[in-house]
Amino acid sequence: MGLSPSSLRGPGFRGRSGRAISLPFALWACPLRRTFGRSSFGYTVKVYGLRMGIATSSIHPSSGAKGVEGVPLLEVQDLTAVRKNGDRVVEVFRGLTFKVPQGGRLVVIGRSGSGKTTLLWILSGLLRPKEGVVKFCGSPLQGPREEIAIIFQHGGLLPWKTVMENVTLGLSLRRMGRRERAEAVEGLLERLGISHLMERLPRQLSGGERQRVAIARALAQRPKLLLLDEPFASLDALTREDLQDLLVELWLSEGMAMVLVTHSVEEAAFLGDEALVLGSGRGELIPLGGKPGREYRRSPTMWHNCNRLREALKRSCPPKGPC
């Protein structure tokens, strides 16, 4: 189960003795403080690979779960999460219930502190809620799955590895040969427009190029579910729109489901077919409709959905109280 860290060695891959640690996909738990209720038992999950935006491949072997007709890909029932705030335990959200069908697009939007990223980590299998159940392909989610990939805001590329090495990292952990890995991602790199960057290091890339590499790394795993935590927030407006359009094209061709966290009303209205608005209480589900694409971005339906989301955000916080 353990992996030699030689291919992943970098800052943070040594124990207190200074000796390299063998870890399954660079996953470890830090006994920092109790968070997210009794299920954590005093452990804050700290994942170098996943915080860096690597897909969850090889952390938890697939149990053979496949998409079943009539069964949602992702089903969340009465989900409650808490966090520590000094000596107090603060409820992040309570009783969230929703479903994401195969090929569905759920956007999660809410004010800061409403639990958007916490929810995403629970859906990835990295954190356990205080209460409630998350089902993936009809079975309870017990931990990270190789069918679930995640992309974070800053991409999290390993700085000492080239673009090709970053994109194929998950495949190399499956012990695929160099040539086999290159062939597996060749078409993906072309579609993302980064095939000419294969030998560059992350510091030699623009922000948009880094995010394209992060998307390629996640999609190289062929996930059924793609989780995205504000992946375009740090980009300029035009680059952000280009990558949103690209994400829609990839969704149409690959058919994976997506759950995307965002602060942007416009991004939520464009990328989602349903929105979960977090705030006080149990959250509110807003069906959006509309066919994603460049025409939809400028359509009256798109801007009507933006207004609906703004109204839902106002409802999500009481007039005189915390969100």
C-alpha atoms as a PDB file:
ATOM      1  CA  MET A   1       0.000   0.000   0.000  1.00  0.00           C
ATOM      2  CA  GLY A   2       2.862   2.377   0.767  1.00  0.00           C
ATOM      3  CA  LEU A   3       4.527   4.263  -2.033  1.00  0.00           C
ATOM      4  CA  SER A   4       8.127   5.266  -2.287  1.00  0.00           C
ATOM      5  CA  PRO A   5       8.134   9.075  -2.243  1.00  0.00           C
ATOM      6  CA  SER A   6      11.012   9.353  -4.687  1.00  0.00           C
ATOM      7  CA  SER A   7       8.746  10.624  -7.454  1.00  0.00           C
ATOM      8  CA  LEU A   8       6.939  13.009  -5.109  1.00  0.00           C
ATOM      9  CA  ARG A   9       9.832  14.190  -2.965  1.00  0.00           C
ATOM     10  CA  GLY A  10       9.745  17.867  -2.187  1.00  0.00           C
ATOM     11  CA  PRO A  11       8.978  20.144   0.775  1.00  0.00           C
ATOM     12  CA  GLY A  12       7.189  18.272   3.527  1.00  0.00           C
ATOM     13  CA  PHE A  13       7.977  14.671   2.618  1.00  0.00           C
ATOM     14  CA  ARG A  14      10.275  13.936   5.553  1.00  0.00           C
ATOM     15  CA  GLY A  15       9.486  12.840   9.092  1.00  0.00           C
ATOM     16  CA  ARG A  16      10.759  14.306  12.342  1.00  0.00           C
ATOM     17  CA  SER A  17      13.855  12.135  12.098  1.00  0.00           C
ATOM     18  CA  GLY A  18      14.613  13.607   8.677  1.00  0.00           C
ATOM     19  CA  ARG A  19      13.978  10.249   7.014  1.00  0.00           C
ATOM     20  CA  ALA A  20      11.760  10.114   3.914  1.00  0.00           C
ATOM     21  CA  ILE A  21       8.273   8.800   4.671  1.00  0.00           C
ATOM     22  CA  SER A  22       6.498   6.211   2.538  1.00  0.00           C
ATOM     23  CA  LEU A  23       2.891   7.316   2.084  1.00  0.00           C
ATOM     24  CA  PRO A  24      -0.079   6.225  -0.017  1.00  0.00           C
ATOM     25  CA  PHE A  25      -0.358   9.130  -2.460  1.00  0.00           C
ATOM     26  CA  ALA A  26       1.103  11.574   0.059  1.00  0.00           C
ATOM     27  CA  LEU A  27      -1.858  11.416   2.417  1.00  0.00           C
ATOM     28  CA  TRP A  28      -1.387  11.950   6.119  1.00  0.00           C
ATOM     29  CA  ALA A  29      -3.268  13.179   9.174  1.00  0.00           C
ATOM     30  CA  CYS A  30      -1.956  15.847  11.534  1.00  0.00           C
ATOM     31  CA  PRO A  31      -3.126  15.761  15.182  1.00  0.00           C
ATOM     32  CA  LEU A  32      -3.695  19.516  15.361  1.00  0.00           C
ATOM     33  CA  ARG A  33      -7.111  20.024  16.912  1.00  0.00           C
ATOM     34  CA  ARG A  34     -10.594  18.624  16.778  1.00  0.00           C
ATOM     35  CA  THR A  35     -12.486  19.712  13.745  1.00  0.00           C
ATOM     36  CA  PHE A  36     -15.630  18.638  11.961  1.00  0.00           C
ATOM     37  CA  GLY A  37     -17.102  16.871  15.008  1.00  0.00           C
ATOM     38  CA  ARG A  38     -16.478  13.550  16.638  1.00  0.00           C
ATOM     39  CA  SER A  39     -15.761  11.718  13.382  1.00  0.00           C
ATOM     40  CA  SER A  40     -12.303  13.350  13.197  1.00  0.00           C
ATOM     41  CA  PHE A  41     -11.213  12.449  16.750  1.00  0.00           C
ATOM     42  CA  GLY A  42      -8.804  15.342  16.968  1.00  0.00           C
ATOM     43  CA  TYR A  43      -7.344  15.032  13.491  1.00  0.00           C
ATOM     44  CA  THR A  44      -7.216  17.696  10.861  1.00  0.00           C
ATOM     45  CA  VAL A  45      -6.726  16.072   7.486  1.00  0.00           C
ATOM     46  CA  LYS A  46      -3.692  17.419   5.701  1.00  0.00           C
ATOM     47  CA  VAL A  47      -3.206  16.178   2.184  1.00  0.00           C
ATOM     48  CA  TYR A  48      -0.259  17.426   0.190  1.00  0.00           C
ATOM     49  CA  GLY A  49      -1.320  15.731  -3.014  1.00  0.00           C
ATOM     50  CA  LEU A  50      -4.950  16.786  -2.852  1.00  0.00           C
ATOM     51  CA  ARG A  51      -4.321  20.276  -1.511  1.00  0.00           C
ATOM     52  CA  MET A  52      -2.080  20.622  -4.512  1.00  0.00           C
ATOM     53  CA  GLY A  53      -4.992  19.714  -6.748  1.00  0.00           C
ATOM     54  CA  ILE A  54      -4.061  16.154  -7.660  1.00  0.00           C
ATOM     55  CA  ALA A  55      -6.886  13.753  -8.442  1.00  0.00           C
ATOM     56  CA  THR A  56      -7.699  11.252  -5.711  1.00  0.00           C
ATOM     57  CA  SER A  57      -6.587   8.273  -7.773  1.00  0.00           C
ATOM     58  CA  SER A  58      -4.922   5.459  -5.826  1.00  0.00           C
ATOM     59  CA  ILE A  59      -5.918   6.717  -2.365  1.00  0.00           C
ATOM     60  CA  HIS A  60      -8.894   4.387  -2.041  1.00  0.00           C
ATOM     61  CA  PRO A  61      -9.203   1.533  -4.526  1.00  0.00           C
ATOM     62  CA  SER A  62     -12.423   1.351  -6.443  1.00  0.00           C
ATOM     63  CA  SER A  63     -14.862  -1.208  -5.113  1.00  0.00           C
ATOM     64  CA  GLY A  64     -16.212  -1.639  -8.615  1.00  0.00           C
ATOM     65  CA  ALA A  65     -19.019   0.883  -8.195  1.00  0.00           C
ATOM     66  CA  LYS A  66     -20.412   1.762 -11.574  1.00  0.00           C
ATOM     67  CA  GLY A  67     -23.077   4.127 -12.699  1.00  0.00           C
ATOM     68  CA  VAL A  68     -26.451   2.415 -12.262  1.00  0.00           C
ATOM     69  CA  GLU A  69     -29.421   3.544 -14.266  1.00  0.00           C
ATOM     70  CA  GLY A  70     -31.859   5.407 -12.057  1.00  0.00           C
ATOM     71  CA  VAL A  71     -29.338   5.829  -9.214  1.00  0.00           C
ATOM     72  CA  PRO A  72     -27.827   9.309  -8.687  1.00  0.00           C
ATOM     73  CA  LEU A  73     -24.066   9.484  -9.054  1.00  0.00           C
ATOM     74  CA  LEU A  74     -23.892  11.493  -5.831  1.00  0.00           C
ATOM     75  CA  GLU A  75     -26.530  11.581  -3.114  1.00  0.00           C
ATOM     76  CA  VAL A  76     -26.285  13.657   0.070  1.00  0.00           C
ATOM     77  CA  GLN A  77     -28.705  13.080   2.939  1.00  0.00           C
ATOM     78  CA  ASP A  78     -29.116  15.310   6.032  1.00  0.00           C
ATOM     79  CA  LEU A  79     -25.485  16.441   6.032  1.00  0.00           C
ATOM     80  CA  THR A  80     -24.278  18.454   9.039  1.00  0.00           C
ATOM     81  CA  ALA A  81     -20.748  19.769   9.641  1.00  0.00           C
ATOM     82  CA  VAL A  82     -19.204  21.743  12.503  1.00  0.00           C
ATOM     83  CA  ARG A  83     -15.885  23.458  13.130  1.00  0.00           C
ATOM     84  CA  LYS A  84     -13.952  24.676  16.147  1.00  0.00           C
ATOM     85  CA  ASN A  85     -13.844  28.417  16.808  1.00  0.00           C
ATOM     86  CA  GLY A  86     -11.691  28.886  19.885  1.00  0.00           C
ATOM     87  CA  ASP A  87     -13.436  27.012  22.684  1.00  0.00           C
ATOM     88  CA  ARG A  88     -16.727  26.885  20.825  1.00  0.00           C
ATOM     89  CA  VAL A  89     -18.046  24.396  18.305  1.00  0.00           C
ATOM     90  CA  VAL A  90     -19.714  26.277  15.450  1.00  0.00           C
ATOM     91  CA  GLU A  91     -22.178  24.685  13.079  1.00  0.00           C
ATOM     92  CA  VAL A  92     -21.119  25.211   9.468  1.00  0.00           C
ATOM     93  CA  PHE A  93     -24.279  23.881   7.858  1.00  0.00           C
ATOM     94  CA  ARG A  94     -27.106  21.545   8.841  1.00  0.00           C
ATOM     95  CA  GLY A  95     -29.346  19.059   7.089  1.00  0.00           C
ATOM     96  CA  LEU A  96     -28.082  19.489   3.532  1.00  0.00           C
ATOM     97  CA  THR A  97     -29.873  17.123   1.172  1.00  0.00           C
ATOM     98  CA  PHE A  98     -29.361  17.016  -2.589  1.00  0.00           C
ATOM     99  CA  LYS A  99     -28.541  14.737  -5.518  1.00  0.00           C
ATOM    100  CA  VAL A 100     -26.221  15.056  -8.493  1.00  0.00           C
ATOM    101  CA  PRO A 101     -27.138  12.811 -11.441  1.00  0.00           C
ATOM    102  CA  GLN A 102     -24.568  11.311 -13.766  1.00  0.00           C
ATOM    103  CA  GLY A 103     -23.417  14.154 -15.990  1.00  0.00           C
ATOM    104  CA  GLY A 104     -25.037  16.745 -13.707  1.00  0.00           C
ATOM    105  CA  ARG A 105     -23.593  20.173 -12.930  1.00  0.00           C
ATOM    106  CA  LEU A 106     -24.118  21.483  -9.396  1.00  0.00           C
ATOM    107  CA  VAL A 107     -22.671  24.856  -8.416  1.00  0.00           C
ATOM    108  CA  VAL A 108     -22.257  25.753  -4.749  1.00  0.00           C
ATOM    109  CA  ILE A 109     -22.382  29.439  -3.935  1.00  0.00           C
ATOM    110  CA  GLY A 110     -22.561  31.385  -0.693  1.00  0.00           C
ATOM    111  CA  ARG A 111     -20.886  34.028   1.368  1.00  0.00           C
ATOM    112  CA  SER A 112     -17.490  33.498   3.006  1.00  0.00           C
ATOM    113  CA  GLY A 113     -17.694  31.057   5.896  1.00  0.00           C
ATOM    114  CA  SER A 114     -20.872  29.372   4.694  1.00  0.00           C
ATOM    115  CA  GLY A 115     -19.145  25.995   4.323  1.00  0.00           C
ATOM    116  CA  LYS A 116     -18.597  25.718   0.572  1.00  0.00           C
ATOM    117  CA  THR A 117     -15.077  24.305   0.741  1.00  0.00           C
ATOM    118  CA  THR A 118     -15.958  22.162   3.760  1.00  0.00           C
ATOM    119  CA  LEU A 119     -18.745  20.589   1.718  1.00  0.00           C
ATOM    120  CA  LEU A 120     -16.367  19.923  -1.174  1.00  0.00           C
ATOM    121  CA  TRP A 121     -13.869  18.154   1.086  1.00  0.00           C
ATOM    122  CA  ILE A 122     -16.669  15.984   2.481  1.00  0.00           C
ATOM    123  CA  LEU A 123     -17.787  15.094  -1.051  1.00  0.00           C
ATOM    124  CA  SER A 124     -14.202  14.142  -1.906  1.00  0.00           C
ATOM    125  CA  GLY A 125     -14.144  11.671   0.988  1.00  0.00           C
ATOM    126  CA  LEU A 126     -11.351  13.509   2.801  1.00  0.00           C
ATOM    127  CA  LEU A 127     -13.507  14.749   5.670  1.00  0.00           C
ATOM    128  CA  ARG A 128     -16.391  13.115   7.442  1.00  0.00           C
ATOM    129  CA  PRO A 129     -19.453  15.094   8.459  1.00  0.00           C
ATOM    130  CA  LYS A 130     -20.771  15.225  11.998  1.00  0.00           C
ATOM    131  CA  GLU A 131     -24.052  13.783  10.776  1.00  0.00           C
ATOM    132  CA  GLY A 132     -25.513  12.565   7.515  1.00  0.00           C
ATOM    133  CA  VAL A 133     -24.611  10.282   4.643  1.00  0.00           C
ATOM    134  CA  VAL A 134     -22.865  10.788   1.306  1.00  0.00           C
ATOM    135  CA  LYS A 135     -23.492   8.084  -1.287  1.00  0.00           C
ATOM    136  CA  PHE A 136     -21.446   7.659  -4.449  1.00  0.00           C
ATOM    137  CA  CYS A 137     -22.906   5.381  -7.125  1.00  0.00           C
ATOM    138  CA  GLY A 138     -25.421   4.154  -4.555  1.00  0.00           C
ATOM    139  CA  SER A 139     -22.870   3.154  -1.878  1.00  0.00           C
ATOM    140  CA  PRO A 140     -21.790   5.145   1.210  1.00  0.00           C
ATOM    141  CA  LEU A 141     -18.628   7.151   0.556  1.00  0.00           C
ATOM    142  CA  GLN A 142     -16.022   5.837   3.014  1.00  0.00           C
ATOM    143  CA  GLY A 143     -13.000   7.772   1.767  1.00  0.00           C
ATOM    144  CA  PRO A 144     -11.349   9.195  -1.361  1.00  0.00           C
ATOM    145  CA  ARG A 145     -12.183   7.288  -4.534  1.00  0.00           C
ATOM    146  CA  GLU A 146     -10.286   6.958  -7.774  1.00  0.00           C
ATOM    147  CA  GLU A 147     -13.439   7.986  -9.670  1.00  0.00           C
ATOM    148  CA  ILE A 148     -13.447  11.385  -7.930  1.00  0.00           C
ATOM    149  CA  ALA A 149     -10.993  14.134  -8.918  1.00  0.00           C
ATOM    150  CA  ILE A 150     -10.554  17.573  -7.407  1.00  0.00           C
ATOM    151  CA  ILE A 151      -9.095  20.871  -8.649  1.00  0.00           C
ATOM    152  CA  PHE A 152      -8.233  23.766  -6.351  1.00  0.00           C
ATOM    153  CA  GLN A 153      -8.057  27.499  -6.889  1.00  0.00           C
ATOM    154  CA  HIS A 154      -4.318  27.786  -7.507  1.00  0.00           C
ATOM    155  CA  GLY A 155      -3.936  24.511  -9.392  1.00  0.00           C
ATOM    156  CA  GLY A 156      -1.368  23.203  -6.938  1.00  0.00           C
ATOM    157  CA  LEU A 157       1.130  21.955  -9.489  1.00  0.00           C
ATOM    158  CA  LEU A 158       4.209  20.320  -8.026  1.00  0.00           C
ATOM    159  CA  PRO A 159       6.804  23.044  -8.665  1.00  0.00           C
ATOM    160  CA  TRP A 160       9.736  20.706  -9.268  1.00  0.00           C
ATOM    161  CA  LYS A 161       7.945  18.695 -11.962  1.00  0.00           C
ATOM    162  CA  THR A 162       7.344  19.537 -15.622  1.00  0.00           C
ATOM    163  CA  VAL A 163       3.912  19.962 -17.150  1.00  0.00           C
ATOM    164  CA  MET A 164       3.976  16.396 -18.492  1.00  0.00           C
ATOM    165  CA  GLU A 165       5.093  14.993 -15.142  1.00  0.00           C
ATOM    166  CA  ASN A 166       2.354  16.903 -13.330  1.00  0.00           C
ATOM    167  CA  VAL A 167      -0.361  15.817 -15.750  1.00  0.00           C
ATOM    168  CA  THR A 168       0.656  12.150 -15.634  1.00  0.00           C
ATOM    169  CA  LEU A 169       1.415  11.978 -11.913  1.00  0.00           C
ATOM    170  CA  GLY A 170      -1.732  10.028 -11.075  1.00  0.00           C
ATOM    171  CA  LEU A 171      -1.059   7.635 -13.950  1.00  0.00           C
ATOM    172  CA  SER A 172       2.512   7.053 -12.789  1.00  0.00           C
ATOM    173  CA  LEU A 173       1.167   6.081  -9.372  1.00  0.00           C
ATOM    174  CA  ARG A 174      -0.824   3.403 -11.178  1.00  0.00           C
ATOM    175  CA  ARG A 175       2.549   2.117 -12.409  1.00  0.00           C
ATOM    176  CA  MET A 176       1.886   2.931 -16.047  1.00  0.00           C
ATOM    177  CA  GLY A 177       4.990   3.155 -18.221  1.00  0.00           C
ATOM    178  CA  ARG A 178       6.301   6.480 -19.521  1.00  0.00           C
ATOM    179  CA  ARG A 179       5.220   5.851 -23.120  1.00  0.00           C
ATOM    180  CA  GLU A 180       1.801   4.576 -22.036  1.00  0.00           C
ATOM    181  CA  ARG A 181       1.276   7.681 -19.892  1.00  0.00           C
ATOM    182  CA  ALA A 182       2.254   9.998 -22.738  1.00  0.00           C
ATOM    183  CA  GLU A 183      -0.120   8.270 -25.145  1.00  0.00           C
ATOM    184  CA  ALA A 184      -2.947   8.410 -22.595  1.00  0.00           C
ATOM    185  CA  VAL A 185      -2.799  12.205 -22.244  1.00  0.00           C
ATOM    186  CA  GLU A 186      -1.647  13.248 -25.732  1.00  0.00           C
ATOM    187  CA  GLY A 187      -5.125  14.072 -27.021  1.00  0.00           C
ATOM    188  CA  LEU A 188      -6.099  15.799 -23.781  1.00  0.00           C
ATOM    189  CA  LEU A 189      -3.067  18.098 -23.907  1.00  0.00           C
ATOM    190  CA  GLU A 190      -3.907  19.016 -27.497  1.00  0.00           C
ATOM    191  CA  ARG A 191      -7.516  19.859 -26.638  1.00  0.00           C
ATOM    192  CA  LEU A 192      -6.412  21.996 -23.703  1.00  0.00           C
ATOM    193  CA  GLY A 193      -3.857  23.813 -25.852  1.00  0.00           C
ATOM    194  CA  ILE A 194      -0.859  22.957 -23.675  1.00  0.00           C
ATOM    195  CA  SER A 195       0.921  20.267 -25.711  1.00  0.00           C
ATOM    196  CA  HIS A 196       3.711  22.736 -26.514  1.00  0.00           C
ATOM    197  CA  LEU A 197       4.346  23.325 -22.794  1.00  0.00           C
ATOM    198  CA  MET A 198       5.144  19.734 -21.808  1.00  0.00           C
ATOM    199  CA  GLU A 199       8.741  20.368 -20.701  1.00  0.00           C
ATOM    200  CA  ARG A 200       8.118  23.625 -18.841  1.00  0.00           C
ATOM    201  CA  LEU A 201       7.995  24.015 -15.074  1.00  0.00           C
ATOM    202  CA  PRO A 202       4.989  25.639 -13.350  1.00  0.00           C
ATOM    203  CA  ARG A 203       6.920  28.853 -12.659  1.00  0.00           C
ATOM    204  CA  GLN A 204       7.308  29.309 -16.427  1.00  0.00           C
ATOM    205  CA  LEU A 205       3.537  29.281 -17.013  1.00  0.00           C
ATOM    206  CA  SER A 206       0.861  31.954 -16.863  1.00  0.00           C
ATOM    207  CA  GLY A 207      -2.044  31.617 -14.444  1.00  0.00           C
ATOM    208  CA  GLY A 208      -4.368  30.384 -17.161  1.00  0.00           C
ATOM    209  CA  GLU A 209      -1.818  27.837 -18.383  1.00  0.00           C
ATOM    210  CA  ARG A 210      -1.352  26.498 -14.857  1.00  0.00           C
ATOM    211  CA  GLN A 211      -5.086  25.968 -14.493  1.00  0.00           C
ATOM    212  CA  ARG A 212      -5.218  24.168 -17.840  1.00  0.00           C
ATOM    213  CA  VAL A 213      -2.514  21.828 -16.563  1.00  0.00           C
ATOM    214  CA  ALA A 214      -4.482  21.263 -13.343  1.00  0.00           C
ATOM    215  CA  ILE A 215      -7.596  20.425 -15.382  1.00  0.00           C
ATOM    216  CA  ALA A 216      -5.572  18.034 -17.546  1.00  0.00           C
ATOM    217  CA  ARG A 217      -4.153  16.298 -14.475  1.00  0.00           C
ATOM    218  CA  ALA A 218      -7.630  15.720 -13.058  1.00  0.00           C
ATOM    219  CA  LEU A 219      -9.191  14.584 -16.344  1.00  0.00           C
ATOM    220  CA  ALA A 220      -6.298  12.213 -17.048  1.00  0.00           C
ATOM    221  CA  GLN A 221      -7.855   9.997 -14.356  1.00  0.00           C
ATOM    222  CA  ARG A 222     -11.117   9.775 -16.352  1.00  0.00           C
ATOM    223  CA  PRO A 223     -13.201  10.664 -13.266  1.00  0.00           C
ATOM    224  CA  LYS A 224     -16.936  10.169 -12.930  1.00  0.00           C
ATOM    225  CA  LEU A 225     -17.107  13.198 -10.625  1.00  0.00           C
ATOM    226  CA  LEU A 226     -15.025  16.368 -10.892  1.00  0.00           C
ATOM    227  CA  LEU A 227     -14.915  18.678  -7.864  1.00  0.00           C
ATOM    228  CA  LEU A 228     -13.693  22.249  -8.396  1.00  0.00           C
ATOM    229  CA  ASP A 229     -12.954  24.768  -5.633  1.00  0.00           C
ATOM    230  CA  GLU A 230     -12.992  28.253  -7.205  1.00  0.00           C
ATOM    231  CA  PRO A 231     -10.581  27.155  -9.954  1.00  0.00           C
ATOM    232  CA  PHE A 232     -10.787  30.413 -11.932  1.00  0.00           C
ATOM    233  CA  ALA A 233     -11.049  32.956  -9.106  1.00  0.00           C
ATOM    234  CA  SER A 234      -7.497  34.300  -9.458  1.00  0.00           C
ATOM    235  CA  LEU A 235      -7.643  34.780 -13.240  1.00  0.00           C
ATOM    236  CA  ASP A 236      -8.472  37.873 -15.268  1.00  0.00           C
ATOM    237  CA  ALA A 237     -11.987  38.146 -16.704  1.00  0.00           C
ATOM    238  CA  LEU A 238     -11.211  37.082 -20.288  1.00  0.00           C
ATOM    239  CA  THR A 239      -9.036  34.123 -19.271  1.00  0.00           C
ATOM    240  CA  ARG A 240     -11.705  33.075 -16.799  1.00  0.00           C
ATOM    241  CA  GLU A 241     -14.395  33.091 -19.494  1.00  0.00           C
ATOM    242  CA  ASP A 242     -12.152  31.146 -21.891  1.00  0.00           C
ATOM    243  CA  LEU A 243     -11.596  28.434 -19.279  1.00  0.00           C
ATOM    244  CA  GLN A 244     -15.286  28.338 -18.393  1.00  0.00           C
ATOM    245  CA  ASP A 245     -16.068  27.726 -22.075  1.00  0.00           C
ATOM    246  CA  LEU A 246     -13.363  25.053 -22.191  1.00  0.00           C
ATOM    247  CA  LEU A 247     -14.769  23.357 -19.098  1.00  0.00           C
ATOM    248  CA  VAL A 248     -18.203  23.194 -20.725  1.00  0.00           C
ATOM    249  CA  GLU A 249     -16.691  21.644 -23.872  1.00  0.00           C
ATOM    250  CA  LEU A 250     -14.885  19.032 -21.784  1.00  0.00           C
ATOM    251  CA  TRP A 251     -18.054  18.289 -19.815  1.00  0.00           C
ATOM    252  CA  LEU A 252     -19.988  17.760 -23.051  1.00  0.00           C
ATOM    253  CA  SER A 253     -17.365  15.371 -24.433  1.00  0.00           C
ATOM    254  CA  GLU A 254     -16.354  13.514 -21.262  1.00  0.00           C
ATOM    255  CA  GLY A 255     -19.779  13.236 -19.621  1.00  0.00           C
ATOM    256  CA  MET A 256     -18.538  13.491 -16.022  1.00  0.00           C
ATOM    257  CA  ALA A 257     -20.589  15.144 -13.301  1.00  0.00           C
ATOM    258  CA  MET A 258     -19.272  18.356 -11.745  1.00  0.00           C
ATOM    259  CA  VAL A 259     -19.630  20.106  -8.406  1.00  0.00           C
ATOM    260  CA  LEU A 260     -18.125  23.585  -8.548  1.00  0.00           C
ATOM    261  CA  VAL A 261     -17.663  26.026  -5.664  1.00  0.00           C
ATOM    262  CA  THR A 262     -17.653  29.689  -6.631  1.00  0.00           C
ATOM    263  CA  HIS A 263     -18.167  33.186  -5.256  1.00  0.00           C
ATOM    264  CA  SER A 264     -19.217  34.479  -8.672  1.00  0.00           C
ATOM    265  CA  VAL A 265     -22.926  34.734  -9.442  1.00  0.00           C
ATOM    266  CA  GLU A 266     -22.224  34.887 -13.188  1.00  0.00           C
ATOM    267  CA  GLU A 267     -19.983  31.818 -13.084  1.00  0.00           C
ATOM    268  CA  ALA A 268     -22.601  29.886 -11.119  1.00  0.00           C
ATOM    269  CA  ALA A 269     -25.371  30.810 -13.558  1.00  0.00           C
ATOM    270  CA  PHE A 270     -23.215  29.880 -16.563  1.00  0.00           C
ATOM    271  CA  LEU A 271     -21.760  26.564 -15.402  1.00  0.00           C
ATOM    272  CA  GLY A 272     -24.535  25.028 -13.325  1.00  0.00           C
ATOM    273  CA  ASP A 273     -27.780  23.308 -14.167  1.00  0.00           C
ATOM    274  CA  GLU A 274     -28.614  23.572 -10.453  1.00  0.00           C
ATOM    275  CA  ALA A 275     -27.270  25.793  -7.682  1.00  0.00           C
ATOM    276  CA  LEU A 276     -26.950  25.101  -3.972  1.00  0.00           C
ATOM    277  CA  VAL A 277     -26.993  28.404  -2.093  1.00  0.00           C
ATOM    278  CA  LEU A 278     -25.396  28.092   1.346  1.00  0.00           C
ATOM    279  CA  GLY A 279     -25.959  30.447   4.239  1.00  0.00           C
ATOM    280  CA  SER A 280     -27.913  30.088   7.429  1.00  0.00           C
ATOM    281  CA  GLY A 281     -30.130  27.033   7.645  1.00  0.00           C
ATOM    282  CA  ARG A 282     -30.197  24.074   5.284  1.00  0.00           C
ATOM    283  CA  GLY A 283     -29.242  25.700   2.009  1.00  0.00           C
ATOM    284  CA  GLU A 284     -31.508  26.364  -0.943  1.00  0.00           C
ATOM    285  CA  LEU A 285     -31.530  24.496  -4.254  1.00  0.00           C
ATOM    286  CA  ILE A 286     -32.184  26.646  -7.325  1.00  0.00           C
ATOM    287  CA  PRO A 287     -32.838  24.911 -10.680  1.00  0.00           C
ATOM    288  CA  LEU A 288     -31.186  26.946 -13.422  1.00  0.00           C
ATOM    289  CA  GLY A 289     -31.847  25.294 -16.767  1.00  0.00           C
ATOM    290  CA  GLY A 290     -30.361  26.761 -19.901  1.00  0.00           C
ATOM    291  CA  LYS A 291     -27.948  25.050 -22.249  1.00  0.00           C
ATOM    292  CA  PRO A 292     -24.348  26.075 -21.469  1.00  0.00           C
ATOM    293  CA  GLY A 293     -22.358  27.684 -24.246  1.00  0.00           C
ATOM    294  CA  ARG A 294     -21.276  31.029 -25.646  1.00  0.00           C
ATOM    295  CA  GLU A 295     -24.804  31.866 -26.824  1.00  0.00           C
ATOM    296  CA  TYR A 296     -26.258  31.135 -23.402  1.00  0.00           C
ATOM    297  CA  ARG A 297     -23.732  33.469 -21.738  1.00  0.00           C
ATOM    298  CA  ARG A 298     -25.343  36.461 -23.489  1.00  0.00           C
ATOM    299  CA  SER A 299     -28.936  35.252 -23.314  1.00  0.00           C
ATOM    300  CA  PRO A 300     -31.806  36.723 -21.246  1.00  0.00           C
ATOM    301  CA  THR A 301     -32.107  33.343 -19.474  1.00  0.00           C
ATOM    302  CA  MET A 302     -28.543  33.619 -18.195  1.00  0.00           C
ATOM    303  CA  TRP A 303     -29.104  37.062 -16.705  1.00  0.00           C
ATOM    304  CA  HIS A 304     -32.470  36.041 -15.292  1.00  0.00           C
ATOM    305  CA  ASN A 305     -30.685  33.196 -13.496  1.00  0.00           C
ATOM    306  CA  CYS A 306     -28.084  35.645 -12.181  1.00  0.00           C
ATOM    307  CA  ASN A 307     -30.853  37.731 -10.630  1.00  0.00           C
ATOM    308  CA  ARG A 308     -32.468  34.631  -9.109  1.00  0.00           C
ATOM    309  CA  LEU A 309     -29.154  33.663  -7.518  1.00  0.00           C
ATOM    310  CA  ARG A 310     -28.620  37.165  -6.122  1.00  0.00           C
ATOM    311  CA  GLU A 311     -32.053  37.048  -4.502  1.00  0.00           C
ATOM    312  CA  ALA A 312     -31.301  33.606  -3.064  1.00  0.00           C
ATOM    313  CA  LEU A 313     -28.021  34.902  -1.605  1.00  0.00           C
ATOM    314  CA  LYS A 314     -29.913  37.715   0.101  1.00  0.00           C
ATOM    315  CA  ARG A 315     -32.361  35.195   1.556  1.00  0.00           C
ATOM    316  CA  SER A 316     -29.514  32.985   2.766  1.00  0.00           C
ATOM    317  CA  CYS A 317     -28.477  35.474   5.458  1.00  0.00           C
ATOM    318  CA  PRO A 318     -30.826  36.871   8.109  1.00  0.00           C
ATOM    319  CA  PRO A 319     -31.092  40.689   8.150  1.00  0.00           C
ATOM    320  CA  LYS A 320     -29.498  40.936  11.593  1.00  0.00           C
ATOM    321  CA  GLY A 321     -27.318  37.959  12.184  1.00  0.00           C
ATOM    322  CA  PRO A 322     -24.349  35.969  10.931  1.00  0.00           C
ATOM    323  CA  CYS A 323     -24.444  34.161   7.612  1.00  0.00           C
END
